[in-house]
Each structure stands twice: as structure tokens, then as C-alpha cells.
């Protein structure tokens, strides 16, 4: 699947992309696409990238589908399961606090 994206770039950058396109016998579109892919790959190779993506998912800033595309299905499924466990723990803590049981358990 592809999505059409429209963006504005400074004239100087477009001129440079056109020169690179002529030299490499590629279209401007191909040059820009490759540049974006290379930039994203560099970011993905940096330490902490996956952790940052995981944080976006946990904070519900990106969808599970986006998470899968970025870190892979298996890693995404693991993170989804971990998030569910954390949410269950939070719900249990809230329930215990509502019933005044959390202080009783902490004293034991």
C-alpha cells in the first residue's frame, strides 16, 4: 500500500535533489524516497529507538498497527502483552486501594 504525501521543501533542497536525480538517472521522487528511507534507517539503528517507540505505544500516541510496522510483529505482540499485564496490575492496585486493602498488604 502507498500513500500520497505532499510536502513543501526549500528551493535549494529541490535543486540539489534534481541534480542528484540527473547524476544517478533517477527521478526526483526516487531520490527523496531513498533519502527518507536512509534517514529512518539511521534513526532505527540508534540506541534507544525501540524503547522510544515502545513508550509512544504505551502512552497511546501510536496505534498497535503502527507499532508492528516499526518494530515488527513479534516484538509488538510482546509489548502488547506486557502493556496488558501492567494495566491489569494498575487496575488491581486501584481496586485494593478502593477497598482499603493495600495498606493491610503492605504491613504484612
N, C-alpha and C. Protein backbone atom coordinates (compact mmCIF):
# COMPACT_ATOMS: atom_id res chain seq x y z
N UNK A 1 0.84 -1.17 0.00
CA UNK A 1 0.00 0.00 0.00
C UNK A 1 0.90 1.25 0.00
N UNK A 2 0.51 2.24 -0.71
CA UNK A 2 1.23 3.51 -0.71
C UNK A 2 0.27 4.64 -0.37
N UNK A 3 0.83 5.70 0.16
CA UNK A 3 0.03 6.87 0.50
C UNK A 3 0.70 8.08 -0.15
N UNK A 4 -0.09 8.86 -0.81
CA UNK A 4 0.42 10.07 -1.45
C UNK A 4 0.63 11.13 -0.38
N UNK A 5 1.83 11.74 -0.39
CA UNK A 5 2.18 12.76 0.58
C UNK A 5 2.64 14.00 -0.17
N UNK A 6 2.13 15.12 0.23
CA UNK A 6 2.53 16.38 -0.38
C UNK A 6 3.32 17.17 0.66
N UNK A 7 4.48 17.70 0.25
CA UNK A 7 5.26 18.48 1.18
C UNK A 7 5.94 19.64 0.47
N UNK A 8 6.25 20.65 1.23
CA UNK A 8 6.95 21.81 0.70
C UNK A 8 8.40 21.74 1.15
N UNK A 9 9.32 21.98 0.21
CA UNK A 9 10.74 21.95 0.50
C UNK A 9 11.37 23.25 0.03
N UNK A 10 12.45 23.66 0.67
CA UNK A 10 13.15 24.85 0.20
C UNK A 10 13.67 24.64 -1.23
N UNK A 11 13.66 25.71 -2.01
CA UNK A 11 14.13 25.63 -3.40
C UNK A 11 15.51 25.00 -3.51
N UNK A 12 16.40 25.39 -2.60
CA UNK A 12 17.78 24.88 -2.64
C UNK A 12 17.82 23.36 -2.52
N UNK A 13 16.98 22.81 -1.64
CA UNK A 13 16.94 21.36 -1.45
C UNK A 13 16.38 20.67 -2.69
N UNK A 14 15.36 21.25 -3.27
CA UNK A 14 14.78 20.68 -4.50
C UNK A 14 15.80 20.71 -5.63
N UNK A 15 16.54 21.82 -5.75
CA UNK A 15 17.57 21.92 -6.79
C UNK A 15 18.64 20.85 -6.60
N UNK A 16 19.06 20.65 -5.36
CA UNK A 16 20.06 19.62 -5.08
C UNK A 16 19.52 18.22 -5.40
N UNK A 17 18.28 17.98 -5.03
CA UNK A 17 17.67 16.68 -5.34
C UNK A 17 17.59 16.46 -6.84
N UNK A 18 17.30 17.50 -7.58
CA UNK A 18 17.23 17.39 -9.05
C UNK A 18 18.59 17.08 -9.64
N UNK A 19 19.64 17.70 -9.10
CA UNK A 19 20.99 17.43 -9.60
C UNK A 19 21.36 15.97 -9.31
N UNK A 20 21.08 15.52 -8.10
CA UNK A 20 21.36 14.13 -7.74
C UNK A 20 20.57 13.18 -8.62
N UNK A 21 19.34 13.53 -8.90
CA UNK A 21 18.49 12.69 -9.76
C UNK A 21 19.09 12.57 -11.16
N UNK A 22 19.56 13.68 -11.71
CA UNK A 22 20.16 13.63 -13.05
C UNK A 22 21.42 12.79 -13.06
N UNK A 23 22.27 12.98 -12.05
CA UNK A 23 23.52 12.23 -11.99
C UNK A 23 23.26 10.74 -11.85
N UNK A 24 22.31 10.38 -11.02
CA UNK A 24 22.02 8.97 -10.76
C UNK A 24 21.00 8.36 -11.71
N UNK A 25 20.49 9.21 -12.62
CA UNK A 25 19.49 8.76 -13.60
C UNK A 25 18.25 8.18 -12.91
N UNK A 26 17.84 8.87 -11.86
CA UNK A 26 16.63 8.52 -11.13
C UNK A 26 15.71 9.72 -11.12
N UNK A 27 14.47 9.49 -10.73
CA UNK A 27 13.52 10.61 -10.64
C UNK A 27 13.70 11.34 -9.31
N UNK A 28 13.22 12.55 -9.26
CA UNK A 28 13.23 13.31 -8.01
C UNK A 28 12.51 12.51 -6.92
N UNK A 29 11.40 11.91 -7.29
CA UNK A 29 10.61 11.12 -6.34
C UNK A 29 11.45 9.99 -5.75
N UNK A 30 12.20 9.28 -6.60
CA UNK A 30 13.04 8.19 -6.11
C UNK A 30 14.13 8.71 -5.15
N UNK A 31 14.72 9.84 -5.51
CA UNK A 31 15.78 10.42 -4.68
C UNK A 31 15.23 10.78 -3.30
N UNK A 32 14.09 11.46 -3.26
CA UNK A 32 13.50 11.86 -1.99
C UNK A 32 13.07 10.64 -1.17
N UNK A 33 12.51 9.65 -1.84
CA UNK A 33 12.08 8.43 -1.14
C UNK A 33 13.29 7.73 -0.52
N UNK A 34 14.37 7.60 -1.27
CA UNK A 34 15.57 6.95 -0.75
C UNK A 34 16.17 7.75 0.40
N UNK A 35 16.15 9.07 0.30
CA UNK A 35 16.69 9.92 1.37
C UNK A 35 15.90 9.72 2.66
N UNK A 36 14.58 9.66 2.54
CA UNK A 36 13.75 9.45 3.73
C UNK A 36 13.99 8.07 4.31
N UNK A 37 14.06 7.05 3.43
CA UNK A 37 14.31 5.69 3.90
C UNK A 37 15.65 5.60 4.62
N UNK A 38 16.69 6.23 4.07
CA UNK A 38 18.01 6.20 4.70
C UNK A 38 18.00 6.90 6.05
N UNK A 39 17.30 8.02 6.12
CA UNK A 39 17.21 8.76 7.39
C UNK A 39 16.51 7.93 8.46
N UNK A 40 15.41 7.31 8.08
CA UNK A 40 14.68 6.47 9.03
C UNK A 40 15.53 5.29 9.47
N UNK A 41 16.26 4.68 8.55
CA UNK A 41 17.13 3.56 8.90
C UNK A 41 18.19 3.99 9.91
N UNK A 42 18.77 5.17 9.71
CA UNK A 42 19.75 5.69 10.66
C UNK A 42 19.15 5.84 12.05
N UNK A 43 17.93 6.36 12.11
CA UNK A 43 17.25 6.51 13.41
C UNK A 43 16.97 5.15 14.05
N UNK A 44 16.52 4.20 13.23
CA UNK A 44 16.21 2.87 13.76
C UNK A 44 17.45 2.18 14.31
N UNK A 45 18.62 2.51 13.77
CA UNK A 45 19.86 1.88 14.22
C UNK A 45 20.41 2.51 15.50
N UNK A 46 19.86 3.64 15.91
CA UNK A 46 20.35 4.32 17.11
C UNK A 46 19.87 3.61 18.38
N UNK A 47 20.73 3.66 19.40
CA UNK A 47 20.35 3.10 20.70
C UNK A 47 19.13 3.85 21.22
N UNK A 48 18.21 3.11 21.79
CA UNK A 48 17.05 3.71 22.40
C UNK A 48 15.86 3.92 21.48
N UNK A 49 16.05 3.67 20.17
CA UNK A 49 14.95 3.92 19.23
C UNK A 49 13.73 3.05 19.56
N UNK A 50 13.95 1.75 19.74
CA UNK A 50 12.82 0.85 20.01
C UNK A 50 12.15 1.20 21.33
N UNK A 51 12.96 1.60 22.30
CA UNK A 51 12.38 1.99 23.59
C UNK A 51 11.51 3.23 23.44
N UNK A 52 11.96 4.17 22.62
CA UNK A 52 11.17 5.38 22.38
C UNK A 52 9.86 5.05 21.67
N UNK A 53 9.93 4.12 20.72
CA UNK A 53 8.72 3.69 20.00
C UNK A 53 7.77 2.99 20.98
N UNK A 54 8.33 2.14 21.83
CA UNK A 54 7.52 1.43 22.82
C UNK A 54 6.81 2.43 23.74
N UNK A 55 7.53 3.46 24.15
CA UNK A 55 6.92 4.48 25.02
C UNK A 55 5.76 5.18 24.32
N UNK A 56 5.92 5.46 23.03
CA UNK A 56 4.82 6.08 22.28
C UNK A 56 3.59 5.19 22.30
N UNK A 57 3.79 3.88 22.14
CA UNK A 57 2.68 2.93 22.15
C UNK A 57 2.04 2.85 23.54
N UNK A 58 2.86 2.72 24.56
CA UNK A 58 2.34 2.61 25.92
C UNK A 58 1.55 3.86 26.30
N UNK A 59 2.00 5.00 25.83
CA UNK A 59 1.30 6.27 26.11
C UNK A 59 0.17 6.55 25.12
N UNK A 60 -0.11 5.56 24.27
CA UNK A 60 -1.20 5.62 23.31
C UNK A 60 -1.06 6.77 22.31
N UNK A 61 0.19 7.05 21.92
CA UNK A 61 0.45 8.08 20.93
C UNK A 61 0.57 7.50 19.52
N UNK A 62 0.75 6.17 19.43
CA UNK A 62 0.72 5.47 18.14
C UNK A 62 -0.12 4.21 18.29
N UNK A 63 -0.67 3.75 17.19
CA UNK A 63 -1.53 2.56 17.22
C UNK A 63 -0.70 1.28 17.24
N UNK A 64 -1.37 0.18 17.56
CA UNK A 64 -0.70 -1.12 17.53
C UNK A 64 -0.26 -1.46 16.11
N UNK A 65 -1.06 -1.11 15.12
CA UNK A 65 -0.69 -1.38 13.73
C UNK A 65 0.59 -0.64 13.35
N UNK A 66 0.71 0.60 13.77
CA UNK A 66 1.93 1.37 13.51
C UNK A 66 3.10 0.75 14.25
N UNK A 67 2.88 0.35 15.48
CA UNK A 67 3.93 -0.30 16.27
C UNK A 67 4.48 -1.53 15.53
N UNK A 68 3.58 -2.36 15.00
CA UNK A 68 4.01 -3.57 14.27
C UNK A 68 4.87 -3.21 13.07
N UNK A 69 4.49 -2.16 12.35
CA UNK A 69 5.25 -1.76 11.17
C UNK A 69 6.65 -1.29 11.53
N UNK A 70 6.78 -0.69 12.71
CA UNK A 70 8.06 -0.09 13.08
C UNK A 70 9.00 -1.10 13.76
N UNK A 71 8.49 -1.90 14.69
CA UNK A 71 9.38 -2.81 15.43
C UNK A 71 9.17 -4.28 15.11
N UNK A 72 8.23 -4.59 14.25
CA UNK A 72 7.99 -5.98 13.87
C UNK A 72 6.87 -6.60 14.69
N UNK A 73 6.21 -7.56 14.08
CA UNK A 73 5.02 -8.17 14.70
C UNK A 73 5.34 -8.86 16.02
N UNK A 74 6.40 -9.65 16.06
CA UNK A 74 6.71 -10.41 17.28
C UNK A 74 7.02 -9.47 18.45
N UNK A 75 7.85 -8.47 18.22
CA UNK A 75 8.16 -7.51 19.28
C UNK A 75 6.92 -6.73 19.70
N UNK A 76 6.09 -6.38 18.74
CA UNK A 76 4.87 -5.64 19.04
C UNK A 76 3.91 -6.47 19.88
N UNK A 77 3.77 -7.75 19.54
CA UNK A 77 2.89 -8.64 20.31
C UNK A 77 3.39 -8.77 21.75
N UNK A 78 4.70 -8.88 21.92
CA UNK A 78 5.27 -8.97 23.27
C UNK A 78 4.98 -7.71 24.07
N UNK A 79 5.15 -6.58 23.43
CA UNK A 79 4.89 -5.31 24.11
C UNK A 79 3.42 -5.16 24.44
N UNK A 80 2.56 -5.59 23.54
CA UNK A 80 1.11 -5.51 23.78
C UNK A 80 0.74 -6.35 25.01
N UNK A 81 1.32 -7.55 25.11
CA UNK A 81 1.04 -8.42 26.26
C UNK A 81 1.57 -7.79 27.55
N UNK A 82 2.75 -7.22 27.49
CA UNK A 82 3.33 -6.56 28.67
C UNK A 82 2.47 -5.38 29.10
N UNK A 83 2.01 -4.61 28.14
CA UNK A 83 1.16 -3.46 28.45
C UNK A 83 -0.13 -3.92 29.12
N UNK A 84 -0.70 -5.00 28.62
CA UNK A 84 -1.94 -5.53 29.20
C UNK A 84 -1.71 -5.96 30.66
N UNK A 85 -0.57 -6.61 30.92
CA UNK A 85 -0.26 -7.02 32.29
C UNK A 85 -0.10 -5.81 33.21
N UNK A 86 0.58 -4.79 32.72
CA UNK A 86 0.75 -3.56 33.52
C UNK A 86 -0.60 -2.92 33.82
N UNK A 87 -1.47 -2.90 32.83
CA UNK A 87 -2.79 -2.31 33.03
C UNK A 87 -3.60 -3.11 34.04
N UNK A 88 -3.47 -4.46 33.99
CA UNK A 88 -4.17 -5.30 34.97
C UNK A 88 -3.65 -5.03 36.37
N UNK A 89 -2.32 -4.85 36.48
CA UNK A 89 -1.73 -4.54 37.78
C UNK A 89 -2.23 -3.21 38.31
N UNK A 90 -2.33 -2.21 37.43
CA UNK A 90 -2.85 -0.91 37.83
C UNK A 90 -4.30 -1.02 38.30
N UNK A 91 -5.09 -1.82 37.58
CA UNK A 91 -6.49 -1.99 37.95
C UNK A 91 -6.61 -2.69 39.31
N UNK A 92 -5.74 -3.67 39.54
CA UNK A 92 -5.75 -4.38 40.82
C UNK A 92 -5.35 -3.45 41.95
N UNK A 93 -4.35 -2.63 41.72
CA UNK A 93 -3.92 -1.66 42.73
C UNK A 93 -5.05 -0.69 43.06
N UNK A 94 -5.72 -0.20 42.02
CA UNK A 94 -6.84 0.71 42.24
C UNK A 94 -7.94 0.04 43.06
N UNK A 95 -8.24 -1.20 42.73
CA UNK A 95 -9.29 -1.94 43.43
C UNK A 95 -8.91 -2.15 44.90
N UNK A 96 -7.65 -2.50 45.13
CA UNK A 96 -7.20 -2.69 46.51
C UNK A 96 -7.27 -1.39 47.30
N UNK A 97 -6.89 -0.30 46.67
CA UNK A 97 -6.94 0.99 47.35
C UNK A 97 -8.37 1.41 47.66
N UNK A 98 -9.28 1.14 46.72
CA UNK A 98 -10.69 1.47 46.93
C UNK A 98 -11.26 0.72 48.13
N UNK A 99 -10.77 -0.49 48.32
CA UNK A 99 -11.28 -1.33 49.40
C UNK A 99 -10.42 -1.23 50.66
N UNK A 100 -9.44 -0.36 50.64
CA UNK A 100 -8.59 -0.17 51.82
C UNK A 100 -7.69 -1.34 52.12
N UNK A 101 -7.46 -2.19 51.14
CA UNK A 101 -6.65 -3.38 51.38
C UNK A 101 -5.17 -3.17 51.11
N UNK A 102 -4.80 -2.16 50.36
CA UNK A 102 -3.41 -2.01 50.00
C UNK A 102 -2.54 -1.72 51.21
N UNK A 103 -3.02 -0.96 52.17
CA UNK A 103 -2.24 -0.70 53.39
C UNK A 103 -2.10 -1.95 54.23
N UNK A 104 -3.16 -2.78 54.28
CA UNK A 104 -3.12 -4.03 55.02
C UNK A 104 -2.06 -4.96 54.44
N UNK A 105 -1.96 -5.03 53.10
CA UNK A 105 -0.99 -5.91 52.46
C UNK A 105 0.44 -5.38 52.65
N UNK A 106 0.62 -4.08 52.64
CA UNK A 106 1.94 -3.50 52.82
C UNK A 106 2.50 -3.75 54.23
N UNK A 107 1.60 -3.87 55.21
CA UNK A 107 2.04 -4.10 56.60
C UNK A 107 2.47 -5.54 56.82
N UNK A 108 2.02 -6.45 55.99
CA UNK A 108 2.32 -7.88 56.21
C UNK A 108 3.67 -8.26 55.69
